[in-house]
Amino acid sequence: MNDVSPLQFPTDFPVKIMGRDTPEFHTAVKDIVTRHAAPFDSLPVTRQPSSEGRFVSITVTVKAESREQLDALYRALTSHELILMVL
C-alpha cells in the first residue's frame, strides 16, 4: 500500500457526518471533532436535515494538518455507535 497522500497539508477538508437528529448525536460529533481538529464552534459547519427530520447531515470543514490526523478523526467518528455514516 502506498502511504503517499495526494493531499497537500495543511488543507481545508470537509467531513460529512450523518446520524439521527438527536442531542446525543450532535454532542458526540462536537466532542470528536474538537478532540481531533479544533473547537467545533470555531469551524465552518452546515447542517442538512432529512425530509422527515429524523436524520441530519453535518458537514464540518477542518484544517487538516496531516493524513494521520484525518485518519484518526475518521476512525473516531465511524466507531461511534450514534454515527451512521461518514464521508
N, C-alpha and C. Protein backbone atom coordinates (compact mmCIF):
# COMPACT_ATOMS: atom_id res chain seq x y z
N MET A 1 0.84 -1.18 0.00
CA MET A 1 0.00 0.00 0.00
C MET A 1 0.89 1.24 0.00
N ASN A 2 0.49 2.22 -0.77
CA ASN A 2 1.23 3.47 -0.88
C ASN A 2 0.69 4.45 0.15
N ASP A 3 1.56 4.93 1.04
CA ASP A 3 1.13 5.85 2.09
C ASP A 3 1.23 7.31 1.68
N VAL A 4 1.59 7.59 0.44
CA VAL A 4 1.71 8.96 -0.03
C VAL A 4 0.30 9.48 -0.33
N SER A 5 -0.03 10.60 0.28
CA SER A 5 -1.36 11.19 0.10
C SER A 5 -1.34 12.18 -1.06
N PRO A 6 -2.39 12.19 -1.88
CA PRO A 6 -2.48 13.21 -2.93
C PRO A 6 -2.79 14.60 -2.38
N LEU A 7 -3.18 14.67 -1.11
CA LEU A 7 -3.49 15.95 -0.49
C LEU A 7 -2.20 16.65 -0.06
N GLN A 8 -2.22 17.95 -0.16
CA GLN A 8 -1.11 18.76 0.34
C GLN A 8 -1.55 19.38 1.66
N PHE A 9 -0.77 19.16 2.70
CA PHE A 9 -1.14 19.63 4.04
C PHE A 9 -0.33 20.86 4.40
N PRO A 10 -0.92 21.76 5.18
CA PRO A 10 -2.29 21.73 5.71
C PRO A 10 -3.30 22.04 4.61
N THR A 11 -4.52 21.56 4.81
CA THR A 11 -5.59 21.78 3.85
C THR A 11 -6.94 21.84 4.55
N ASP A 12 -7.86 22.60 3.99
CA ASP A 12 -9.24 22.59 4.48
C ASP A 12 -9.91 21.35 3.91
N PHE A 13 -10.51 20.54 4.78
CA PHE A 13 -11.07 19.26 4.36
C PHE A 13 -12.48 19.11 4.92
N PRO A 14 -13.49 19.03 4.05
CA PRO A 14 -14.87 18.86 4.54
C PRO A 14 -15.13 17.40 4.92
N VAL A 15 -15.77 17.22 6.05
CA VAL A 15 -16.16 15.89 6.52
C VAL A 15 -17.67 15.90 6.73
N LYS A 16 -18.38 14.97 6.07
CA LYS A 16 -19.83 14.88 6.20
C LYS A 16 -20.15 13.74 7.16
N ILE A 17 -20.95 14.05 8.19
CA ILE A 17 -21.26 13.10 9.25
C ILE A 17 -22.78 12.98 9.34
N MET A 18 -23.28 11.75 9.28
CA MET A 18 -24.72 11.55 9.28
C MET A 18 -25.17 10.68 10.45
N GLY A 19 -26.35 11.03 10.98
CA GLY A 19 -26.92 10.27 12.08
C GLY A 19 -28.32 10.76 12.39
N ARG A 20 -28.92 10.15 13.41
CA ARG A 20 -30.25 10.58 13.85
C ARG A 20 -30.12 11.98 14.47
N ASP A 21 -31.11 12.81 14.23
CA ASP A 21 -31.08 14.19 14.72
C ASP A 21 -31.48 14.22 16.19
N THR A 22 -30.52 13.85 17.04
CA THR A 22 -30.75 13.84 18.49
C THR A 22 -29.68 14.69 19.17
N PRO A 23 -29.96 15.17 20.36
CA PRO A 23 -28.94 15.93 21.08
C PRO A 23 -27.68 15.10 21.32
N GLU A 24 -27.83 13.81 21.57
CA GLU A 24 -26.68 12.94 21.82
C GLU A 24 -25.78 12.83 20.59
N PHE A 25 -26.38 12.74 19.41
CA PHE A 25 -25.61 12.69 18.16
C PHE A 25 -24.81 13.98 17.99
N HIS A 26 -25.46 15.11 18.16
CA HIS A 26 -24.78 16.40 17.99
C HIS A 26 -23.64 16.56 19.00
N THR A 27 -23.85 16.13 20.22
CA THR A 27 -22.80 16.20 21.24
C THR A 27 -21.62 15.30 20.86
N ALA A 28 -21.91 14.09 20.39
CA ALA A 28 -20.84 13.17 20.00
C ALA A 28 -20.01 13.76 18.87
N VAL A 29 -20.66 14.31 17.86
CA VAL A 29 -19.94 14.90 16.72
C VAL A 29 -19.07 16.06 17.22
N LYS A 30 -19.65 16.93 18.02
CA LYS A 30 -18.91 18.09 18.53
C LYS A 30 -17.70 17.66 19.33
N ASP A 31 -17.86 16.68 20.21
CA ASP A 31 -16.75 16.22 21.05
C ASP A 31 -15.63 15.58 20.23
N ILE A 32 -15.98 14.74 19.27
CA ILE A 32 -14.97 14.05 18.46
C ILE A 32 -14.21 15.03 17.58
N VAL A 33 -14.93 15.92 16.92
CA VAL A 33 -14.26 16.89 16.05
C VAL A 33 -13.35 17.80 16.87
N THR A 34 -13.81 18.23 18.03
CA THR A 34 -12.99 19.08 18.89
C THR A 34 -11.72 18.35 19.33
N ARG A 35 -11.85 17.08 19.66
CA ARG A 35 -10.69 16.30 20.12
C ARG A 35 -9.65 16.10 19.01
N HIS A 36 -10.08 16.00 17.76
CA HIS A 36 -9.16 15.67 16.67
C HIS A 36 -8.81 16.84 15.75
N ALA A 37 -9.53 17.95 15.83
CA ALA A 37 -9.27 19.02 14.86
C ALA A 37 -9.14 20.39 15.53
N ALA A 38 -10.25 20.91 15.99
CA ALA A 38 -10.28 22.26 16.58
C ALA A 38 -11.60 22.41 17.31
N PRO A 39 -11.72 23.45 18.13
CA PRO A 39 -13.01 23.68 18.77
C PRO A 39 -14.13 23.73 17.71
N PHE A 40 -15.13 22.90 17.89
CA PHE A 40 -16.20 22.74 16.91
C PHE A 40 -16.83 24.08 16.54
N ASP A 41 -17.07 24.92 17.54
CA ASP A 41 -17.75 26.19 17.30
C ASP A 41 -16.92 27.17 16.47
N SER A 42 -15.63 26.89 16.30
CA SER A 42 -14.77 27.78 15.51
C SER A 42 -14.67 27.34 14.05
N LEU A 43 -15.30 26.22 13.69
CA LEU A 43 -15.18 25.66 12.34
C LEU A 43 -16.41 25.95 11.50
N PRO A 44 -16.24 26.03 10.17
CA PRO A 44 -17.41 26.16 9.29
C PRO A 44 -18.24 24.88 9.34
N VAL A 45 -19.53 25.02 9.62
CA VAL A 45 -20.42 23.87 9.76
C VAL A 45 -21.72 24.15 9.02
N THR A 46 -22.19 23.14 8.28
CA THR A 46 -23.53 23.22 7.69
C THR A 46 -24.31 22.00 8.16
N ARG A 47 -25.61 22.19 8.33
CA ARG A 47 -26.49 21.10 8.75
C ARG A 47 -27.61 20.96 7.73
N GLN A 48 -27.90 19.72 7.37
CA GLN A 48 -28.98 19.45 6.41
C GLN A 48 -29.87 18.36 7.00
N PRO A 49 -31.08 18.72 7.42
CA PRO A 49 -31.99 17.69 7.95
C PRO A 49 -32.57 16.84 6.82
N SER A 50 -32.96 15.62 7.16
CA SER A 50 -33.63 14.77 6.18
C SER A 50 -35.03 15.32 5.93
N SER A 51 -35.69 14.81 4.92
CA SER A 51 -37.00 15.34 4.55
C SER A 51 -38.03 15.16 5.67
N GLU A 52 -37.91 14.11 6.47
CA GLU A 52 -38.84 13.89 7.58
C GLU A 52 -38.29 14.38 8.91
N GLY A 53 -37.05 14.87 8.92
CA GLY A 53 -36.48 15.45 10.11
C GLY A 53 -35.94 14.48 11.14
N ARG A 54 -35.89 13.20 10.81
CA ARG A 54 -35.38 12.22 11.78
C ARG A 54 -33.86 12.12 11.74
N PHE A 55 -33.27 12.43 10.61
CA PHE A 55 -31.83 12.32 10.43
C PHE A 55 -31.26 13.69 10.06
N VAL A 56 -29.95 13.82 10.22
CA VAL A 56 -29.29 15.07 9.87
C VAL A 56 -27.91 14.76 9.31
N SER A 57 -27.48 15.58 8.37
CA SER A 57 -26.14 15.51 7.83
C SER A 57 -25.42 16.78 8.28
N ILE A 58 -24.28 16.59 8.92
CA ILE A 58 -23.48 17.72 9.38
C ILE A 58 -22.18 17.70 8.58
N THR A 59 -21.90 18.80 7.88
CA THR A 59 -20.63 18.92 7.17
C THR A 59 -19.79 19.95 7.91
N VAL A 60 -18.64 19.50 8.36
CA VAL A 60 -17.71 20.37 9.09
C VAL A 60 -16.39 20.39 8.30
N THR A 61 -15.87 21.59 8.09
CA THR A 61 -14.61 21.72 7.36
C THR A 61 -13.50 21.95 8.37
N VAL A 62 -12.59 20.97 8.42
CA VAL A 62 -11.48 21.04 9.37
C VAL A 62 -10.21 21.46 8.65
N LYS A 63 -9.30 22.08 9.38
CA LYS A 63 -7.96 22.39 8.87
C LYS A 63 -7.11 21.17 9.17
N ALA A 64 -6.94 20.31 8.17
CA ALA A 64 -6.18 19.08 8.34
C ALA A 64 -4.69 19.38 8.24
N GLU A 65 -3.96 18.96 9.25
CA GLU A 65 -2.51 19.17 9.29
C GLU A 65 -1.75 17.97 8.73
N SER A 66 -2.40 16.79 8.69
CA SER A 66 -1.73 15.58 8.21
C SER A 66 -2.74 14.50 7.85
N ARG A 67 -2.28 13.52 7.11
CA ARG A 67 -3.11 12.36 6.78
C ARG A 67 -3.44 11.58 8.04
N GLU A 68 -2.50 11.50 8.96
CA GLU A 68 -2.71 10.79 10.21
C GLU A 68 -3.84 11.43 11.03
N GLN A 69 -3.89 12.75 11.02
CA GLN A 69 -4.96 13.45 11.73
C GLN A 69 -6.32 13.11 11.12
N LEU A 70 -6.41 13.14 9.80
CA LEU A 70 -7.67 12.81 9.14
C LEU A 70 -8.07 11.36 9.40
N ASP A 71 -7.11 10.46 9.36
CA ASP A 71 -7.39 9.05 9.62
C ASP A 71 -7.91 8.84 11.04
N ALA A 72 -7.30 9.51 12.01
CA ALA A 72 -7.72 9.38 13.40
C ALA A 72 -9.13 9.95 13.59
N LEU A 73 -9.41 11.08 12.96
CA LEU A 73 -10.75 11.68 13.02
C LEU A 73 -11.78 10.73 12.42
N TYR A 74 -11.49 10.19 11.25
CA TYR A 74 -12.41 9.28 10.58
C TYR A 74 -12.66 8.02 11.43
N ARG A 75 -11.60 7.45 11.99
CA ARG A 75 -11.75 6.25 12.83
C ARG A 75 -12.62 6.54 14.05
N ALA A 76 -12.39 7.68 14.69
CA ALA A 76 -13.18 8.03 15.88
C ALA A 76 -14.65 8.23 15.52
N LEU A 77 -14.89 8.89 14.41
CA LEU A 77 -16.28 9.13 14.00
C LEU A 77 -16.98 7.83 13.62
N THR A 78 -16.34 7.02 12.80
CA THR A 78 -17.00 5.80 12.30
C THR A 78 -17.16 4.74 13.40
N SER A 79 -16.39 4.82 14.46
CA SER A 79 -16.51 3.82 15.52
C SER A 79 -17.57 4.19 16.56
N HIS A 80 -18.11 5.40 16.49
CA HIS A 80 -19.12 5.82 17.47
C HIS A 80 -20.47 5.26 17.08
N GLU A 81 -21.17 4.69 18.06
CA GLU A 81 -22.45 4.00 17.79
C GLU A 81 -23.57 4.92 17.32
N LEU A 82 -23.50 6.22 17.58
CA LEU A 82 -24.57 7.12 17.15
C LEU A 82 -24.35 7.68 15.74
N ILE A 83 -23.17 7.47 15.21
CA ILE A 83 -22.84 7.99 13.87
C ILE A 83 -23.07 6.90 12.85
N LEU A 84 -23.96 7.18 11.89
CA LEU A 84 -24.34 6.17 10.91
C LEU A 84 -23.41 6.10 9.70
N MET A 85 -22.89 7.26 9.29
CA MET A 85 -22.06 7.29 8.09
C MET A 85 -21.17 8.53 8.11
N VAL A 86 -19.95 8.38 7.55
CA VAL A 86 -19.02 9.49 7.44
C VAL A 86 -18.46 9.48 6.02
N LEU A 87 -18.51 10.62 5.38
CA LEU A 87 -17.94 10.76 4.02
C LEU A 87 -16.90 11.85 4.03
